[in-house]
Structures are given as structure tokens and as C-alpha cells.
Amino acid sequence: MEKIGFVTDDGDEVEFYVEEETRVNGISYLLVTDSDGEEANAYILKDMSADGDTDADYVMVEDEVEFEAIARVFQQMLEDVDFR
């Protein structure tokens, strides 16, 4: 499982495990967890970078409708994932 680092708006560095990635309507999304254990917290990140940017700019999906839609996509991809 790939582990990637992110820098928060506060400048803190955090690492997440990339569980899966998908592209919906031209937008890239990552399903990440904060640990590699069974009881990990999962987050959906959305790529906000512009075409041609050298660095990706991911933000947490906070819109409830968007989150539910993308969570369903990831659930179909990964049968053993339960978003609660």
C-alpha cells in the first residue's frame, strides 16, 4: 500500500495510506486512511490542482452530497469498505 505525505494548511505534515483512486467527471479522488489497520479512519481527498501543475493540491471532500456520491463509487470498487 502506497503511503504519501501531505502538508496541511497549518504547515503540519501528515501521512496517509492510499487505498484507492478514481476519476469522476474529470476530477481525481483518493481514498486514504490514517493507518494500515482494520480500524483506520478513511478520508476522501479531491485533487484541486490545475492542469499542468507540478504538485497536486488535494483537499478533503466536505460537501455531503459529493462525499456520498464518491463514497458509493469507492464502495463499489472495494467491497469490504464500509463508510459510516
Protein backbone atom coordinates (compact mmCIF):
# COMPACT_ATOMS: atom_id res chain seq x y z
CA MET A 1 0.00 0.00 0.00
CA GLU A 2 1.41 3.35 -1.02
CA LYS A 3 1.98 5.92 1.73
CA ILE A 4 2.02 9.60 0.78
CA GLY A 5 2.70 12.77 2.70
CA PHE A 6 0.61 15.91 2.77
CA VAL A 7 1.15 19.37 4.20
CA THR A 8 -1.89 20.85 5.95
CA ASP A 9 -2.95 24.49 5.72
CA ASP A 10 -1.26 24.93 9.11
CA GLY A 11 2.04 23.63 7.71
CA ASP A 12 1.87 20.30 9.56
CA GLU A 13 2.99 17.18 7.72
CA VAL A 14 0.66 14.16 7.78
CA GLU A 15 0.93 10.81 6.06
CA PHE A 16 -1.90 8.75 4.64
CA TYR A 17 -2.14 5.31 3.07
CA VAL A 18 -3.66 5.38 -0.40
CA GLU A 19 -6.32 2.68 -0.56
CA GLU A 20 -7.77 3.51 -3.98
CA GLU A 21 -8.07 6.28 -6.53
CA THR A 22 -10.70 7.15 -9.10
CA ARG A 23 -11.65 9.86 -11.55
CA VAL A 24 -15.24 11.16 -11.75
CA ASN A 25 -16.32 13.89 -14.16
CA GLY A 26 -12.69 14.75 -14.86
CA ILE A 27 -11.78 15.14 -11.18
CA SER A 28 -9.33 12.83 -9.40
CA TYR A 29 -10.20 11.47 -5.95
CA LEU A 30 -8.16 9.47 -3.45
CA LEU A 31 -9.49 7.20 -0.74
CA VAL A 32 -6.90 7.37 2.04
CA THR A 33 -6.60 6.03 5.59
CA ASP A 34 -4.63 7.22 8.58
CA SER A 35 -3.24 3.74 9.36
CA ASP A 36 -2.92 0.36 7.71
CA GLY A 37 -5.02 -1.44 10.35
CA GLU A 38 -8.60 -2.67 10.14
CA GLU A 39 -9.97 0.16 12.30
CA ALA A 40 -8.42 3.01 10.30
CA ASN A 41 -10.19 6.29 9.66
CA ALA A 42 -10.89 6.84 5.96
CA TYR A 43 -10.97 10.14 4.12
CA ILE A 44 -11.79 11.16 0.56
CA LEU A 45 -9.47 13.72 -0.97
CA LYS A 46 -10.21 15.74 -4.11
CA ASP A 47 -7.50 16.98 -6.48
CA MET A 48 -7.90 20.74 -6.89
CA SER A 49 -4.71 21.35 -8.88
CA ALA A 50 -4.90 22.86 -12.34
CA ASP A 51 -3.78 21.02 -15.45
CA GLY A 52 -0.03 21.41 -15.83
CA ASP A 53 0.65 21.98 -12.10
CA THR A 54 3.76 20.14 -10.96
CA ASP A 55 2.33 19.43 -7.48
CA ALA A 56 -1.08 18.04 -6.68
CA ASP A 57 -3.35 20.09 -4.42
CA TYR A 58 -5.69 17.76 -2.54
CA VAL A 59 -8.43 18.87 -0.16
CA MET A 60 -10.78 16.80 1.96
CA VAL A 61 -14.23 16.41 0.44
CA GLU A 62 -16.55 18.21 2.86
CA ASP A 63 -19.66 18.65 0.73
CA GLU A 64 -22.07 15.98 1.96
CA VAL A 65 -23.67 15.27 -1.44
CA GLU A 66 -20.30 15.00 -3.19
CA PHE A 67 -18.90 12.83 -0.37
CA GLU A 68 -21.82 10.39 -0.54
CA ALA A 69 -21.56 10.10 -4.33
CA ILE A 70 -17.81 9.45 -4.33
CA ALA A 71 -18.09 7.12 -1.32
CA ARG A 72 -20.54 4.98 -3.32
CA VAL A 73 -18.01 4.78 -6.16
CA PHE A 74 -15.29 3.63 -3.77
CA GLN A 75 -17.65 1.16 -2.09
CA GLN A 76 -18.32 -0.46 -5.47
CA MET A 77 -14.58 -0.64 -6.12
CA LEU A 78 -13.76 -2.08 -2.68
CA GLU A 79 -16.44 -4.45 -1.46
CA ASP A 80 -15.01 -4.71 2.09
CA VAL A 81 -15.13 -0.96 2.83
CA ASP A 82 -17.95 0.41 4.95
CA PHE A 83 -18.34 4.21 5.15
CA ARG A 84 -20.02 5.18 8.40
